Amino acid sequence: MTVSQRITERRKALGMTQEQLAERVGTTRIYITYLETGVKVPSLAMLKTIASALECKAGDLIDD
């Protein structure tokens, strides 16, 4: 599973929309869409912010 798939899976497991995640992270829904579709790869700092918003550790979102 890729980082983008893990972000999507975790967000959906929490019942969160892309818009809600974007608000928690301080970015746009479009950026979240790009992350979830693999168009963009988050920086380490952004990955940590996303993990915090998704109530998990950044390591939980990293590829196997």
N, C-alpha and C. Protein backbone atom coordinates (compact mmCIF):
# COMPACT_ATOMS: atom_id res chain seq x y z
N MET A 1 0.85 -1.18 0.00
CA MET A 1 0.00 0.00 0.00
C MET A 1 0.89 1.24 0.00
N THR A 2 0.51 2.25 -0.76
CA THR A 2 1.30 3.48 -0.87
C THR A 2 0.89 4.50 0.19
N VAL A 3 1.70 5.53 0.33
CA VAL A 3 1.38 6.62 1.26
C VAL A 3 0.01 7.21 0.91
N SER A 4 -0.22 7.45 -0.37
CA SER A 4 -1.49 8.05 -0.78
C SER A 4 -2.67 7.15 -0.41
N GLN A 5 -2.52 5.85 -0.59
CA GLN A 5 -3.59 4.92 -0.23
C GLN A 5 -3.81 4.88 1.28
N ARG A 6 -2.73 4.96 2.04
CA ARG A 6 -2.85 4.94 3.50
C ARG A 6 -3.54 6.20 4.02
N ILE A 7 -3.20 7.35 3.42
CA ILE A 7 -3.85 8.60 3.82
C ILE A 7 -5.35 8.49 3.55
N THR A 8 -5.70 8.04 2.36
CA THR A 8 -7.11 7.90 1.99
C THR A 8 -7.83 6.94 2.92
N GLU A 9 -7.22 5.79 3.15
CA GLU A 9 -7.84 4.77 4.00
C GLU A 9 -8.07 5.29 5.42
N ARG A 10 -7.06 5.94 5.97
CA ARG A 10 -7.17 6.45 7.35
C ARG A 10 -8.23 7.56 7.41
N ARG A 11 -8.24 8.45 6.44
CA ARG A 11 -9.22 9.55 6.42
C ARG A 11 -10.63 8.98 6.38
N LYS A 12 -10.86 8.02 5.51
CA LYS A 12 -12.19 7.42 5.39
C LYS A 12 -12.57 6.64 6.65
N ALA A 13 -11.60 5.99 7.27
CA ALA A 13 -11.87 5.24 8.50
C ALA A 13 -12.35 6.17 9.62
N LEU A 14 -11.88 7.40 9.57
CA LEU A 14 -12.29 8.40 10.56
C LEU A 14 -13.58 9.11 10.16
N GLY A 15 -14.10 8.78 8.98
CA GLY A 15 -15.33 9.42 8.50
C GLY A 15 -15.13 10.87 8.13
N MET A 16 -13.92 11.19 7.69
CA MET A 16 -13.55 12.56 7.38
C MET A 16 -13.56 12.79 5.87
N THR A 17 -14.02 13.96 5.46
CA THR A 17 -13.98 14.32 4.04
C THR A 17 -12.60 14.91 3.72
N GLN A 18 -12.31 15.02 2.43
CA GLN A 18 -11.07 15.67 2.02
C GLN A 18 -11.05 17.12 2.50
N GLU A 19 -12.19 17.77 2.43
CA GLU A 19 -12.29 19.16 2.88
C GLU A 19 -11.97 19.28 4.37
N GLN A 20 -12.49 18.36 5.17
CA GLN A 20 -12.23 18.39 6.61
C GLN A 20 -10.75 18.15 6.90
N LEU A 21 -10.15 17.20 6.19
CA LEU A 21 -8.71 16.96 6.38
C LEU A 21 -7.91 18.19 5.97
N ALA A 22 -8.27 18.78 4.86
CA ALA A 22 -7.57 19.99 4.40
C ALA A 22 -7.64 21.10 5.44
N GLU A 23 -8.80 21.28 6.05
CA GLU A 23 -8.95 22.30 7.09
C GLU A 23 -8.06 22.00 8.28
N ARG A 24 -8.02 20.75 8.70
CA ARG A 24 -7.18 20.36 9.85
C ARG A 24 -5.70 20.55 9.55
N VAL A 25 -5.32 20.31 8.30
CA VAL A 25 -3.91 20.39 7.91
C VAL A 25 -3.50 21.82 7.56
N GLY A 26 -4.47 22.64 7.18
CA GLY A 26 -4.17 24.01 6.79
C GLY A 26 -3.78 24.12 5.33
N THR A 27 -4.48 23.36 4.50
CA THR A 27 -4.20 23.37 3.06
C THR A 27 -5.53 23.32 2.31
N THR A 28 -5.46 23.05 1.02
CA THR A 28 -6.67 23.02 0.21
C THR A 28 -7.13 21.59 -0.05
N ARG A 29 -8.39 21.43 -0.39
CA ARG A 29 -8.92 20.12 -0.75
C ARG A 29 -8.22 19.59 -1.99
N ILE A 30 -7.89 20.48 -2.92
CA ILE A 30 -7.19 20.08 -4.14
C ILE A 30 -5.84 19.44 -3.80
N TYR A 31 -5.11 20.02 -2.86
CA TYR A 31 -3.83 19.44 -2.46
C TYR A 31 -4.03 18.04 -1.87
N ILE A 32 -5.05 17.87 -1.04
CA ILE A 32 -5.35 16.56 -0.47
C ILE A 32 -5.69 15.57 -1.60
N THR A 33 -6.45 16.02 -2.58
CA THR A 33 -6.77 15.17 -3.73
C THR A 33 -5.49 14.76 -4.44
N TYR A 34 -4.57 15.69 -4.66
CA TYR A 34 -3.30 15.39 -5.31
C TYR A 34 -2.50 14.36 -4.51
N LEU A 35 -2.51 14.51 -3.18
CA LEU A 35 -1.80 13.54 -2.34
C LEU A 35 -2.43 12.16 -2.44
N GLU A 36 -3.75 12.12 -2.37
CA GLU A 36 -4.45 10.84 -2.36
C GLU A 36 -4.40 10.12 -3.71
N THR A 37 -4.20 10.86 -4.77
CA THR A 37 -4.12 10.24 -6.09
C THR A 37 -2.67 10.01 -6.52
N GLY A 38 -1.72 10.42 -5.70
CA GLY A 38 -0.31 10.20 -6.00
C GLY A 38 0.30 11.22 -6.94
N VAL A 39 -0.43 12.28 -7.25
CA VAL A 39 0.11 13.33 -8.12
C VAL A 39 1.23 14.07 -7.39
N LYS A 40 1.05 14.27 -6.10
CA LYS A 40 2.07 14.94 -5.28
C LYS A 40 2.46 14.03 -4.14
N VAL A 41 3.68 14.22 -3.65
CA VAL A 41 4.19 13.48 -2.50
C VAL A 41 4.43 14.51 -1.39
N PRO A 42 3.91 14.26 -0.20
CA PRO A 42 4.08 15.25 0.87
C PRO A 42 5.52 15.31 1.38
N SER A 43 5.91 16.50 1.81
CA SER A 43 7.20 16.64 2.48
C SER A 43 7.09 15.93 3.84
N LEU A 44 8.22 15.72 4.48
CA LEU A 44 8.19 15.07 5.79
C LEU A 44 7.40 15.90 6.79
N ALA A 45 7.57 17.22 6.75
CA ALA A 45 6.83 18.09 7.65
C ALA A 45 5.33 17.98 7.41
N MET A 46 4.92 17.97 6.14
CA MET A 46 3.50 17.85 5.81
C MET A 46 2.98 16.48 6.21
N LEU A 47 3.78 15.44 6.02
CA LEU A 47 3.36 14.09 6.40
C LEU A 47 3.09 14.03 7.90
N LYS A 48 3.93 14.67 8.69
CA LYS A 48 3.73 14.71 10.14
C LYS A 48 2.44 15.46 10.48
N THR A 49 2.18 16.55 9.79
CA THR A 49 0.96 17.33 10.02
C THR A 49 -0.27 16.52 9.65
N ILE A 50 -0.21 15.82 8.53
CA ILE A 50 -1.33 14.98 8.09
C ILE A 50 -1.56 13.86 9.09
N ALA A 51 -0.48 13.23 9.53
CA ALA A 51 -0.61 12.14 10.50
C ALA A 51 -1.27 12.63 11.78
N SER A 52 -0.88 13.79 12.24
CA SER A 52 -1.49 14.36 13.43
C SER A 52 -2.98 14.59 13.22
N ALA A 53 -3.34 15.12 12.06
CA ALA A 53 -4.75 15.37 11.74
C ALA A 53 -5.53 14.07 11.63
N LEU A 54 -4.84 13.00 11.23
CA LEU A 54 -5.48 11.69 11.09
C LEU A 54 -5.32 10.83 12.35
N GLU A 55 -4.80 11.45 13.41
CA GLU A 55 -4.67 10.80 14.71
C GLU A 55 -3.86 9.51 14.63
N CYS A 56 -2.72 9.60 13.93
CA CYS A 56 -1.81 8.46 13.85
C CYS A 56 -0.37 8.99 13.79
N LYS A 57 0.58 8.09 13.68
CA LYS A 57 1.98 8.46 13.56
C LYS A 57 2.34 8.54 12.07
N ALA A 58 3.30 9.40 11.75
CA ALA A 58 3.74 9.53 10.36
C ALA A 58 4.21 8.19 9.81
N GLY A 59 4.86 7.39 10.64
CA GLY A 59 5.32 6.07 10.22
C GLY A 59 4.20 5.15 9.77
N ASP A 60 3.00 5.38 10.32
CA ASP A 60 1.86 4.55 9.94
C ASP A 60 1.43 4.81 8.49
N LEU A 61 1.84 5.95 7.94
CA LEU A 61 1.44 6.33 6.59
C LEU A 61 2.48 6.02 5.53
N ILE A 62 3.65 5.58 5.96
CA ILE A 62 4.75 5.34 5.04
C ILE A 62 4.64 3.95 4.42
N ASP A 63 5.08 3.83 3.18
CA ASP A 63 5.08 2.54 2.46
C ASP A 63 5.77 1.46 3.26
N ASP A 64 5.40 0.24 2.96
CA ASP A 64 6.10 -0.92 3.54
C ASP A 64 7.46 -1.06 2.89
